Amino acid sequence: MAKVEIYYWTTCPFCARALGLLEKKGVEYTGYDITGDEDARAKMIERTGGPKSVPQIFIDDKHIGGCDDIHALDAKGELDPLLTA
């Protein structure tokens, strides 16, 4: 199983949607609640190379993007292979 990490805010509906997809698929992930934590947000931005919005998702240390990106991968049938790599 791939290593999945997600940076999120507790009040973000896009974060809830992305987390919901991972949970629906039974994916074990490491979540980083960065709500109100500017140091953690700075670390996320450093890892993403620029994107500042949440959620930001990594699979095996590769940045795949946010909520729309993970759902697009799923719709194209490309998410499951990444998760089982």
Protein backbone atom coordinates (compact mmCIF):
# COMPACT_ATOMS: atom_id res chain seq x y z
CA MET A 1 0.00 0.00 0.00
CA ALA A 2 1.22 3.48 -0.84
CA LYS A 3 2.14 6.08 1.76
CA VAL A 4 -0.60 8.73 1.65
CA GLU A 5 -0.38 12.09 3.40
CA ILE A 6 -2.92 14.90 3.43
CA TYR A 7 -2.73 18.42 4.82
CA TYR A 8 -6.15 19.74 5.81
CA TRP A 9 -8.19 22.22 7.85
CA THR A 10 -10.98 20.90 10.05
CA THR A 11 -13.52 23.39 8.67
CA CYS A 12 -12.71 22.94 4.98
CA PRO A 13 -15.44 21.24 2.90
CA PHE A 14 -12.94 20.33 0.15
CA CYS A 15 -10.75 18.67 2.77
CA ALA A 16 -13.73 16.70 4.06
CA ARG A 17 -14.52 15.60 0.51
CA ALA A 18 -10.94 14.44 -0.17
CA LEU A 19 -10.71 12.68 3.20
CA GLY A 20 -14.08 11.05 2.52
CA LEU A 21 -12.79 9.59 -0.76
CA LEU A 22 -9.72 8.15 0.95
CA GLU A 23 -11.85 6.68 3.73
CA LYS A 24 -14.37 5.26 1.25
CA LYS A 25 -11.51 3.45 -0.45
CA GLY A 26 -10.21 2.17 2.90
CA VAL A 27 -6.90 3.99 2.49
CA GLU A 28 -4.69 4.39 5.54
CA TYR A 29 -3.25 7.89 5.51
CA THR A 30 -1.36 10.33 7.66
CA GLY A 31 -3.36 13.49 8.17
CA TYR A 32 -1.88 16.83 9.15
CA ASP A 33 -4.46 19.16 10.66
CA ILE A 34 -2.89 22.54 9.98
CA THR A 35 -5.88 24.60 11.11
CA GLY A 36 -4.44 27.87 12.46
CA ASP A 37 -0.85 26.54 12.43
CA GLU A 38 1.19 28.86 10.23
CA ASP A 39 4.42 26.89 10.75
CA ALA A 40 2.76 23.68 9.54
CA ARG A 41 1.22 25.56 6.62
CA ALA A 42 4.66 26.91 5.67
CA LYS A 43 6.00 23.35 5.68
CA MET A 44 3.11 22.24 3.44
CA ILE A 45 3.79 25.10 1.01
CA GLU A 46 7.47 24.17 0.92
CA ARG A 47 6.56 20.55 0.09
CA THR A 48 4.05 21.52 -2.60
CA GLY A 49 6.39 23.97 -4.26
CA GLY A 50 3.87 26.78 -4.08
CA PRO A 51 0.21 25.79 -3.72
CA LYS A 52 -1.21 27.27 -0.51
CA SER A 53 -4.77 25.96 -0.53
CA VAL A 54 -5.95 22.90 1.36
CA PRO A 55 -6.17 20.03 1.06
CA GLN A 56 -2.80 19.11 -0.37
CA ILE A 57 -2.25 15.40 -0.95
CA PHE A 58 0.91 13.35 -1.39
CA ILE A 59 1.17 9.73 -2.47
CA ASP A 60 4.56 8.13 -1.87
CA ASP A 61 6.00 11.64 -1.36
CA LYS A 62 4.76 12.77 -4.80
CA HIS A 63 2.50 15.82 -4.69
CA ILE A 64 -0.73 15.00 -6.50
CA GLY A 65 -2.62 18.21 -5.66
CA GLY A 66 -5.87 18.92 -3.93
CA CYS A 67 -9.47 17.76 -3.78
CA ASP A 68 -10.31 18.23 -7.46
CA ASP A 69 -7.06 16.52 -8.46
CA ILE A 70 -7.62 13.39 -6.38
CA HIS A 71 -11.22 13.10 -7.62
CA ALA A 72 -10.07 13.56 -11.23
CA LEU A 73 -7.51 10.78 -10.80
CA ASP A 74 -10.24 8.56 -9.38
CA ALA A 75 -12.64 9.36 -12.23
CA LYS A 76 -9.96 8.43 -14.80
CA GLY A 77 -9.19 5.16 -12.98
CA GLU A 78 -5.68 6.36 -12.14
CA LEU A 79 -6.01 6.68 -8.36
CA ASP A 80 -6.29 3.01 -7.39
CA PRO A 81 -3.02 2.03 -9.14
CA LEU A 82 -1.23 4.84 -7.28
CA LEU A 83 -2.67 3.67 -3.97
CA THR A 84 -1.63 0.05 -4.45
CA ALA A 85 1.83 0.73 -5.87
